[in-house]
Full PDB file with SEQRES, HELIX, SHEET, SSBOND, CRYST1, ORIGX, SCALE, CONECT and MASTER records, all heavy atoms in Angstrom:
SEQRES   1 A   32  THR ILE GLU THR ALA LEU ILE GLY ALA LEU ASP ALA PRO          
SEQRES   2 A   32  LEU ALA PRO LEU TRP VAL TRP LEU VAL PHE GLY GLU ARG          
SEQRES   3 A   32  PRO SER ILE ALA THR LEU                                      
HELIX    1 AA1 ILE A    2  GLY A    8  1                                   7    
HELIX    2 AA2 ASP A   11  PHE A   23  1                                  13    
CRYST1    1.000    1.000    1.000  90.00  90.00  90.00 P 1           1          
ORIGX1      1.000000  0.000000  0.000000        0.00000                         
ORIGX2      0.000000  1.000000  0.000000        0.00000                         
ORIGX3      0.000000  0.000000  1.000000        0.00000                         
SCALE1      1.000000  0.000000  0.000000        0.00000                         
SCALE2      0.000000  1.000000  0.000000        0.00000                         
SCALE3      0.000000  0.000000  1.000000        0.00000                         
ATOM      1  N   THR A   1      94.742  88.782 131.084  1.00  0.00           N  
ATOM      2  CA  THR A   1      94.726  88.081 129.800  1.00  0.00           C  
ATOM      3  C   THR A   1      94.425  89.011 128.636  1.00  0.00           C  
ATOM      4  O   THR A   1      95.075  88.957 127.587  1.00  0.00           O  
ATOM      5  CB  THR A   1      93.671  86.953 129.841  1.00  0.00           C  
ATOM      6  OG1 THR A   1      93.955  86.086 130.936  1.00  0.00           O  
ATOM      7  CG2 THR A   1      93.685  86.152 128.553  1.00  0.00           C  
ATOM      8  N   ILE A   2      93.437  89.899 128.793  1.00  0.00           N  
ATOM      9  CA  ILE A   2      93.055  90.760 127.674  1.00  0.00           C  
ATOM     10  C   ILE A   2      94.174  91.745 127.340  1.00  0.00           C  
ATOM     11  O   ILE A   2      94.372  92.102 126.180  1.00  0.00           O  
ATOM     12  CB  ILE A   2      91.725  91.499 127.952  1.00  0.00           C  
ATOM     13  CG1 ILE A   2      91.224  92.171 126.661  1.00  0.00           C  
ATOM     14  CG2 ILE A   2      91.863  92.487 129.090  1.00  0.00           C  
ATOM     15  CD1 ILE A   2      89.843  92.749 126.780  1.00  0.00           C  
ATOM     16  N   GLU A   3      94.937  92.193 128.338  1.00  0.00           N  
ATOM     17  CA  GLU A   3      96.052  93.089 128.060  1.00  0.00           C  
ATOM     18  C   GLU A   3      97.161  92.353 127.315  1.00  0.00           C  
ATOM     19  O   GLU A   3      97.771  92.896 126.392  1.00  0.00           O  
ATOM     20  CB  GLU A   3      96.591  93.679 129.362  1.00  0.00           C  
ATOM     21  CG  GLU A   3      95.705  94.748 129.973  1.00  0.00           C  
ATOM     22  CD  GLU A   3      96.439  95.538 131.043  1.00  0.00           C  
ATOM     23  OE1 GLU A   3      97.529  96.082 130.749  1.00  0.00           O  
ATOM     24  OE2 GLU A   3      95.936  95.609 132.170  1.00  0.00           O  
ATOM     25  N   THR A   4      97.424  91.117 127.706  1.00  0.00           N  
ATOM     26  CA  THR A   4      98.405  90.304 126.994  1.00  0.00           C  
ATOM     27  C   THR A   4      98.004  90.171 125.532  1.00  0.00           C  
ATOM     28  O   THR A   4      98.827  90.327 124.616  1.00  0.00           O  
ATOM     29  CB  THR A   4      98.504  88.905 127.627  1.00  0.00           C  
ATOM     30  OG1 THR A   4      98.800  89.033 129.015  1.00  0.00           O  
ATOM     31  CG2 THR A   4      99.595  88.079 126.965  1.00  0.00           C  
ATOM     32  N   ALA A   5      96.731  89.881 125.311  1.00  0.00           N  
ATOM     33  CA  ALA A   5      96.231  89.704 123.946  1.00  0.00           C  
ATOM     34  C   ALA A   5      96.273  91.001 123.162  1.00  0.00           C  
ATOM     35  O   ALA A   5      96.606  91.018 121.968  1.00  0.00           O  
ATOM     36  CB  ALA A   5      94.810  89.163 124.002  1.00  0.00           C  
ATOM     37  N   LEU A   6      95.931  92.094 123.821  1.00  0.00           N  
ATOM     38  CA  LEU A   6      95.899  93.386 123.150  1.00  0.00           C  
ATOM     39  C   LEU A   6      97.290  93.786 122.672  1.00  0.00           C  
ATOM     40  O   LEU A   6      97.472  94.237 121.545  1.00  0.00           O  
ATOM     41  CB  LEU A   6      95.337  94.449 124.098  1.00  0.00           C  
ATOM     42  CG  LEU A   6      95.147  95.861 123.543  1.00  0.00           C  
ATOM     43  CD1 LEU A   6      94.240  95.840 122.332  1.00  0.00           C  
ATOM     44  CD2 LEU A   6      94.589  96.769 124.627  1.00  0.00           C  
ATOM     45  N   ILE A   7      98.286  93.600 123.534  1.00  0.00           N  
ATOM     46  CA  ILE A   7      99.661  93.910 123.137  1.00  0.00           C  
ATOM     47  C   ILE A   7     100.118  92.956 122.031  1.00  0.00           C  
ATOM     48  O   ILE A   7     100.817  93.347 121.098  1.00  0.00           O  
ATOM     49  CB  ILE A   7     100.594  93.836 124.359  1.00  0.00           C  
ATOM     50  CG1 ILE A   7     100.210  94.912 125.372  1.00  0.00           C  
ATOM     51  CG2 ILE A   7     102.061  94.019 123.935  1.00  0.00           C  
ATOM     52  CD1 ILE A   7     100.918  94.778 126.704  1.00  0.00           C  
ATOM     53  N   GLY A   8      99.699  91.687 122.135  1.00  0.00           N  
ATOM     54  CA  GLY A   8     100.045  90.730 121.098  1.00  0.00           C  
ATOM     55  C   GLY A   8      99.502  91.115 119.733  1.00  0.00           C  
ATOM     56  O   GLY A   8     100.065  90.735 118.700  1.00  0.00           O  
ATOM     57  N   ALA A   9      98.423  91.901 119.724  1.00  0.00           N  
ATOM     58  CA  ALA A   9      97.839  92.350 118.462  1.00  0.00           C  
ATOM     59  C   ALA A   9      98.762  93.288 117.700  1.00  0.00           C  
ATOM     60  O   ALA A   9      98.507  93.606 116.535  1.00  0.00           O  
ATOM     61  CB  ALA A   9      96.490  93.028 118.710  1.00  0.00           C  
ATOM     62  N   LEU A  10      99.850  93.740 118.335  1.00  0.00           N  
ATOM     63  CA  LEU A  10     100.840  94.544 117.618  1.00  0.00           C  
ATOM     64  C   LEU A  10     101.435  93.788 116.439  1.00  0.00           C  
ATOM     65  O   LEU A  10     101.989  94.387 115.524  1.00  0.00           O  
ATOM     66  CB  LEU A  10     101.963  94.964 118.568  1.00  0.00           C  
ATOM     67  CG  LEU A  10     101.674  96.121 119.529  1.00  0.00           C  
ATOM     68  CD1 LEU A  10     102.824  96.287 120.500  1.00  0.00           C  
ATOM     69  CD2 LEU A  10     101.439  97.410 118.754  1.00  0.00           C  
ATOM     70  N   ASP A  11     101.328  92.466 116.470  1.00  0.00           N  
ATOM     71  CA  ASP A  11     101.799  91.656 115.351  1.00  0.00           C  
ATOM     72  C   ASP A  11     101.113  92.069 114.050  1.00  0.00           C  
ATOM     73  O   ASP A  11     101.716  91.993 112.974  1.00  0.00           O  
ATOM     74  CB  ASP A  11     101.533  90.179 115.653  1.00  0.00           C  
ATOM     75  CG  ASP A  11     102.117  89.264 114.600  1.00  0.00           C  
ATOM     76  OD1 ASP A  11     101.399  88.983 113.613  1.00  0.00           O  
ATOM     77  OD2 ASP A  11     103.272  88.844 114.749  1.00  0.00           O  
ATOM     78  N   ALA A  12      99.860  92.513 114.151  1.00  0.00           N  
ATOM     79  CA  ALA A  12      99.089  92.848 112.951  1.00  0.00           C  
ATOM     80  C   ALA A  12      99.748  93.927 112.106  1.00  0.00           C  
ATOM     81  O   ALA A  12      99.909  93.762 110.894  1.00  0.00           O  
ATOM     82  CB  ALA A  12      97.665  93.254 113.335  1.00  0.00           C  
ATOM     83  N   PRO A  13     100.155  95.068 112.693  1.00  0.00           N  
ATOM     84  CA  PRO A  13     100.830  96.062 111.858  1.00  0.00           C  
ATOM     85  C   PRO A  13     102.322  95.812 111.668  1.00  0.00           C  
ATOM     86  O   PRO A  13     102.880  96.219 110.648  1.00  0.00           O  
ATOM     87  CB  PRO A  13     100.591  97.370 112.627  1.00  0.00           C  
ATOM     88  CG  PRO A  13     100.442  96.970 114.043  1.00  0.00           C  
ATOM     89  CD  PRO A  13      99.767  95.619 114.009  1.00  0.00           C  
ATOM     90  N   LEU A  14     102.974  95.129 112.620  1.00  0.00           N  
ATOM     91  CA  LEU A  14     104.422  94.988 112.540  1.00  0.00           C  
ATOM     92  C   LEU A  14     104.863  93.923 111.540  1.00  0.00           C  
ATOM     93  O   LEU A  14     105.817  94.141 110.782  1.00  0.00           O  
ATOM     94  CB  LEU A  14     105.002  94.652 113.918  1.00  0.00           C  
ATOM     95  CG  LEU A  14     104.986  95.772 114.960  1.00  0.00           C  
ATOM     96  CD1 LEU A  14     105.535  95.274 116.285  1.00  0.00           C  
ATOM     97  CD2 LEU A  14     105.790  96.971 114.468  1.00  0.00           C  
ATOM     98  N   ALA A  15     104.200  92.756 111.530  1.00  0.00           N  
ATOM     99  CA  ALA A  15     104.636  91.658 110.664  1.00  0.00           C  
ATOM    100  C   ALA A  15     104.662  92.044 109.180  1.00  0.00           C  
ATOM    101  O   ALA A  15     105.677  91.826 108.504  1.00  0.00           O  
ATOM    102  CB  ALA A  15     103.760  90.431 110.890  1.00  0.00           C  
ATOM    103  N   PRO A  16     103.578  92.606 108.633  1.00  0.00           N  
ATOM    104  CA  PRO A  16     103.646  92.996 107.221  1.00  0.00           C  
ATOM    105  C   PRO A  16     104.618  94.135 106.962  1.00  0.00           C  
ATOM    106  O   PRO A  16     105.149  94.265 105.855  1.00  0.00           O  
ATOM    107  CB  PRO A  16     102.202  93.406 106.894  1.00  0.00           C  
ATOM    108  CG  PRO A  16     101.565  93.704 108.208  1.00  0.00           C  
ATOM    109  CD  PRO A  16     102.230  92.804 109.191  1.00  0.00           C  
ATOM    110  N   LEU A  17     104.884  94.955 108.000  1.00  0.00           N  
ATOM    111  CA  LEU A  17     105.841  96.053 107.821  1.00  0.00           C  
ATOM    112  C   LEU A  17     107.234  95.520 107.540  1.00  0.00           C  
ATOM    113  O   LEU A  17     107.915  95.980 106.603  1.00  0.00           O  
ATOM    114  CB  LEU A  17     105.866  96.922 109.088  1.00  0.00           C  
ATOM    115  CG  LEU A  17     106.923  98.039 109.109  1.00  0.00           C  
ATOM    116  CD1 LEU A  17     106.659  99.042 107.995  1.00  0.00           C  
ATOM    117  CD2 LEU A  17     106.947  98.736 110.473  1.00  0.00           C  
ATOM    118  N   TRP A  18     107.704  94.503 108.314  1.00  0.00           N  
ATOM    119  CA  TRP A  18     109.043  93.957 108.082  1.00  0.00           C  
ATOM    120  C   TRP A  18     109.145  93.339 106.680  1.00  0.00           C  
ATOM    121  O   TRP A  18     110.151  93.531 105.984  1.00  0.00           O  
ATOM    122  CB  TRP A  18     109.375  92.873 109.117  1.00  0.00           C  
ATOM    123  CG  TRP A  18     109.196  93.220 110.565  1.00  0.00           C  
ATOM    124  CD1 TRP A  18     108.726  92.409 111.552  1.00  0.00           C  
ATOM    125  CD2 TRP A  18     109.508  94.468 111.220  1.00  0.00           C  
ATOM    126  NE1 TRP A  18     108.697  93.052 112.762  1.00  0.00           N  
ATOM    127  CE2 TRP A  18     109.176  94.319 112.588  1.00  0.00           C  
ATOM    128  CE3 TRP A  18     110.017  95.684 110.777  1.00  0.00           C  
ATOM    129  CZ2 TRP A  18     109.342  95.342 113.519  1.00  0.00           C  
ATOM    130  CZ3 TRP A  18     110.186  96.717 111.704  1.00  0.00           C  
ATOM    131  CH2 TRP A  18     109.854  96.537 113.047  1.00  0.00           C  
ATOM    132  N   VAL A  19     108.105  92.596 106.286  1.00  0.00           N  
ATOM    133  CA  VAL A  19     108.143  91.931 104.979  1.00  0.00           C  
ATOM    134  C   VAL A  19     108.097  92.956 103.844  1.00  0.00           C  
ATOM    135  O   VAL A  19     108.742  92.796 102.808  1.00  0.00           O  
ATOM    136  CB  VAL A  19     106.971  90.937 104.858  1.00  0.00           C  
ATOM    137  CG1 VAL A  19     106.958  90.269 103.488  1.00  0.00           C  
ATOM    138  CG2 VAL A  19     107.084  89.866 105.944  1.00  0.00           C  
ATOM    139  N   TRP A  20     107.344  94.009 104.051  1.00  0.00           N  
ATOM    140  CA  TRP A  20     107.268  95.093 103.059  1.00  0.00           C  
ATOM    141  C   TRP A  20     108.645  95.743 102.895  1.00  0.00           C  
ATOM    142  O   TRP A  20     109.125  95.953 101.778  1.00  0.00           O  
ATOM    143  CB  TRP A  20     106.227  96.107 103.510  1.00  0.00           C  
ATOM    144  CG  TRP A  20     106.047  97.279 102.586  1.00  0.00           C  
ATOM    145  CD1 TRP A  20     106.396  97.371 101.272  1.00  0.00           C  
ATOM    146  CD2 TRP A  20     105.458  98.541 102.926  1.00  0.00           C  
ATOM    147  NE1 TRP A  20     106.058  98.603 100.762  1.00  0.00           N  
ATOM    148  CE2 TRP A  20     105.490  99.337 101.759  1.00  0.00           C  
ATOM    149  CE3 TRP A  20     104.906  99.055 104.090  1.00  0.00           C  
ATOM    150  CZ2 TRP A  20     104.988 100.639 101.748  1.00  0.00           C  
ATOM    151  CZ3 TRP A  20     104.398 100.343 104.067  1.00  0.00           C  
ATOM    152  CH2 TRP A  20     104.440 101.135 102.909  1.00  0.00           C  
ATOM    153  N   LEU A  21     109.295  96.067 104.019  1.00  0.00           N  
ATOM    154  CA  LEU A  21     110.579  96.759 103.969  1.00  0.00           C  
ATOM    155  C   LEU A  21     111.671  95.899 103.343  1.00  0.00           C  
ATOM    156  O   LEU A  21     112.520  96.407 102.601  1.00  0.00           O  
ATOM    157  CB  LEU A  21     110.995  97.180 105.388  1.00  0.00           C  
ATOM    158  CG  LEU A  21     110.144  98.269 106.048  1.00  0.00           C  
ATOM    159  CD1 LEU A  21     110.593  98.497 107.487  1.00  0.00           C  
ATOM    160  CD2 LEU A  21     110.216  99.571 105.251  1.00  0.00           C  
ATOM    161  N   VAL A  22     111.667  94.584 103.635  1.00  0.00           N  
ATOM    162  CA  VAL A  22     112.765  93.719 103.191  1.00  0.00           C  
ATOM    163  C   VAL A  22     112.488  93.088 101.832  1.00  0.00           C  
ATOM    164  O   VAL A  22     113.373  93.025 100.962  1.00  0.00           O  
ATOM    165  CB  VAL A  22     113.040  92.620 104.233  1.00  0.00           C  
ATOM    166  CG1 VAL A  22     114.118  91.665 103.741  1.00  0.00           C  
ATOM    167  CG2 VAL A  22     113.455  93.252 105.566  1.00  0.00           C  
ATOM    168  N   PHE A  23     111.246  92.615 101.607  1.00  0.00           N  
ATOM    169  CA  PHE A  23     110.936  91.855 100.396  1.00  0.00           C  
ATOM    170  C   PHE A  23     109.986  92.572  99.438  1.00  0.00           C  
ATOM    171  O   PHE A  23     109.690  92.054  98.359  1.00  0.00           O  
ATOM    172  CB  PHE A  23     110.339  90.491 100.765  1.00  0.00           C  
ATOM    173  CG  PHE A  23     111.305  89.597 101.479  1.00  0.00           C  
ATOM    174  CD1 PHE A  23     111.195  89.390 102.844  1.00  0.00           C  
ATOM    175  CD2 PHE A  23     112.337  88.982 100.795  1.00  0.00           C  
ATOM    176  CE1 PHE A  23     112.091  88.572 103.514  1.00  0.00           C  
ATOM    177  CE2 PHE A  23     113.240  88.161 101.451  1.00  0.00           C  
ATOM    178  CZ  PHE A  23     113.118  87.961 102.812  1.00  0.00           C  
ATOM    179  N   GLY A  24     109.489  93.719  99.824  1.00  0.00           N  
ATOM    180  CA  GLY A  24     108.608  94.462  98.939  1.00  0.00           C  
ATOM    181  C   GLY A  24     107.230  93.858  98.774  1.00  0.00           C  
ATOM    182  O   GLY A  24     106.547  94.143  97.788  1.00  0.00           O  
ATOM    183  N   GLU A  25     106.805  92.984  99.729  1.00  0.00           N  
ATOM    184  CA  GLU A  25     105.444  92.435  99.699  1.00  0.00           C  
ATOM    185  C   GLU A  25     104.509  93.520 100.211  1.00  0.00           C  
ATOM    186  O   GLU A  25     104.210  93.625 101.389  1.00  0.00           O  
ATOM    187  CB  GLU A  25     105.356  91.180 100.566  1.00  0.00           C  
ATOM    188  CG  GLU A  25     104.019  90.451 100.455  1.00  0.00           C  
ATOM    189  CD  GLU A  25     103.988  89.166 101.269  1.00  0.00           C  
ATOM    190  OE1 GLU A  25     104.719  88.221 100.904  1.00  0.00           O  
ATOM    191  OE2 GLU A  25     103.237  89.119 102.262  1.00  0.00           O  
ATOM    192  N   ARG A  26     104.035  94.339  99.277  1.00  0.00           N  
ATOM    193  CA  ARG A  26     103.336  95.569  99.633  1.00  0.00           C  
ATOM    194  C   ARG A  26     101.906  95.290 100.110  1.00  0.00           C  
ATOM    195  O   ARG A  26     101.105  94.702  99.378  1.00  0.00           O  
ATOM    196  CB  ARG A  26     103.293  96.509  98.426  1.00  0.00           C  
ATOM    197  CG  ARG A  26     102.700  97.887  98.719  1.00  0.00           C  
ATOM    198  CD  ARG A  26     102.692  98.724  97.448  1.00  0.00           C  
ATOM    199  NE  ARG A  26     104.041  98.969  96.987  1.00  0.00           N  
ATOM    200  CZ  ARG A  26     104.787  99.992  97.411  1.00  0.00           C  
ATOM    201  NH1 ARG A  26     104.313 100.826  98.306  1.00  0.00           N  
ATOM    202  NH2 ARG A  26     106.010 100.159  96.935  1.00  0.00           N  
ATOM    203  N   PRO A  27     101.572  95.720 101.325  1.00  0.00           N  
ATOM    204  CA  PRO A  27     100.192  95.560 101.796  1.00  0.00           C  
ATOM    205  C   PRO A  27      99.275  96.568 101.124  1.00  0.00           C  
ATOM    206  O   PRO A  27      99.724  97.610 100.641  1.00  0.00           O  
ATOM    207  CB  PRO A  27     100.310  95.832 103.304  1.00  0.00           C  
ATOM    208  CG  PRO A  27     101.496  96.722 103.431  1.00  0.00           C  
ATOM    209  CD  PRO A  27     102.451  96.297 102.341  1.00  0.00           C  
ATOM    210  N   SER A  28      97.992  96.252 101.098  1.00  0.00           N  
ATOM    211  CA  SER A  28      97.024  97.152 100.492  1.00  0.00           C  
ATOM    212  C   SER A  28      96.799  98.373 101.387  1.00  0.00           C  
ATOM    213  O   SER A  28      97.186  98.401 102.558  1.00  0.00           O  
ATOM    214  CB  SER A  28      95.694  96.421 100.281  1.00  0.00           C  
ATOM    215  OG  SER A  28      95.122  96.094 101.543  1.00  0.00           O  
ATOM    216  N   ILE A  29      96.138  99.383 100.824  1.00  0.00           N  
ATOM    217  CA  ILE A  29      95.798 100.582 101.594  1.00  0.00           C  
ATOM    218  C   ILE A  29      94.915 100.210 102.783  1.00  0.00           C  
ATOM    219  O   ILE A  29      95.060 100.739 103.888  1.00  0.00           O  
ATOM    220  CB  ILE A  29      95.083 101.613 100.700  1.00  0.00           C  
ATOM    221  CG1 ILE A  29      96.032 102.091  99.582  1.00  0.00           C  
ATOM    222  CG2 ILE A  29      94.613 102.798 101.540  1.00  0.00           C  
ATOM    223  CD1 ILE A  29      97.291 102.762 100.089  1.00  0.00           C  
ATOM    224  N   ALA A  30      93.988  99.258 102.571  1.00  0.00           N  
ATOM    225  CA  ALA A  30      93.100  98.824 103.653  1.00  0.00           C  
ATOM    226  C   ALA A  30      93.899  98.184 104.784  1.00  0.00           C  
ATOM    227  O   ALA A  30      93.615  98.400 105.969  1.00  0.00           O  
ATOM    228  CB  ALA A  30      92.056  97.843 103.118  1.00  0.00           C  
ATOM    229  N   THR A  31      94.910  97.399 104.427  1.00  0.00           N  
ATOM    230  CA  THR A  31      95.750  96.773 105.444  1.00  0.00           C  
ATOM    231  C   THR A  31      96.536  97.813 106.223  1.00  0.00           C  
ATOM    232  O   THR A  31      96.649  97.739 107.449  1.00  0.00           O  
ATOM    233  CB  THR A  31      96.712  95.768 104.785  1.00  0.00           C  
ATOM    234  OG1 THR A  31      95.950  94.720 104.186  1.00  0.00           O  
ATOM    235  CG2 THR A  31      97.660  95.168 105.805  1.00  0.00           C  
ATOM    236  N   LEU A  32      97.078  98.812 105.524  1.00  0.00           N  
ATOM    237  CA  LEU A  32      97.819  99.868 106.202  1.00  0.00           C  
ATOM    238  C   LEU A  32      96.918 100.669 107.128  1.00  0.00           C  
ATOM    239  O   LEU A  32      97.291 100.976 108.268  1.00  0.00           O  
ATOM    240  CB  LEU A  32      98.465 100.787 105.162  1.00  0.00           C  
ATOM    241  CG  LEU A  32      99.595 100.181 104.328  1.00  0.00           C  
ATOM    242  CD1 LEU A  32     100.032 101.156 103.245  1.00  0.00           C  
ATOM    243  CD2 LEU A  32     100.777  99.830 105.223  1.00  0.00           C  
TER     244      LEU A  32                                                      
MASTER        0    0    0    2    0    0    0    6  243    1    0    3          
END                                                                             
């Protein structure tokens, strides 16, 4: 279970990356 959850945490850096690249919703330095 913890490995499933850990890999699922990849959503944290990936989701804002797609929105940043396509729509310019720029994350803060802290988020990056």
